[in-house]
């Protein structure tokens, strides 16, 4: 097996889940716990699996996940660092200096490679160029064009397409058993083939946000009334989740509009999409004021009129 795989696709389509399952099965197969020739040897390991138990507990000696760390260890769900640091990547070197513990294989998952800071990307590249014996790298990427070309060239590509609407609906019903059929249908639509993205929007009344953005894109907002109303609604601690969803949805809706345009109107939409993506990234990374950011973002959407 090739030593490095680049798992590419939309955020929320299941790449990280697959990487974790694939890594677990590779380790279980290498240790003899699973028969590699088993025709049913796909999907997650059974609950009784020792490999699965160790990975779930975060204590498997031959399995590592690198991802952005919380700034405050006491608040693991808040204030996540902007990138995967060079120190995190270099922290793998002691692991690579020894042989795998439980078999002849180890697995390293980078979730996501897009989050590597420049120094971290260069440090990872050295390991990809001279891979430690028995090590499989699984790099998750939502935007592979942002990665170093030298990293991409060292990896085999595995592309994840979006789910069909029927599969989206089935996945959402399984994950949100208490959601109404109408809610599931709305989430499946905005998820655009990525169930993880749709699940993040659950309970946030995304349909109302989309309606407000579509109204601004269609009719404009010459007197700023719509923008002010939206900015006020998404300001404050109680609206943080909806604010983040808004930052996702605004560029997505601009992209939807762009697909239906041509000529000068298409250029307007493309320029708006670039500006919206940059603003959304800065809003989180630089902790910009939410109310001012929503007002500015809605102004970008208004250019589409």
Foldseek 3Di string as FASTA:
>chain_A
DAQEAEEEAAPQLCQVVQQLQVQLLVLCCQLVVDPPPPPPSDDHDDPPDPSVVCVVVVHQLQEEEFDFAAPDPVCRPDRTAQARELVNLVVCVVVLVDAHDRGRAGEYEYVAPLRHDPNNLVSVLVCLVVPRGRYHYYHYDHCVVSHDVSVVVSHHYDYRYAADLVVQLVVVCVVCVPDDPVLSNVLSVQCNRRNRLSVLCPPVPVVVLVVLLVCCLVPNCVPLPSLQVVLVVCADPVNPSVLLVSLVVLLVVLVVLLVPDDDPLNVLSVVLSVVSPVLSSCCVNVVDHSSVSSSVSSNSSNSND
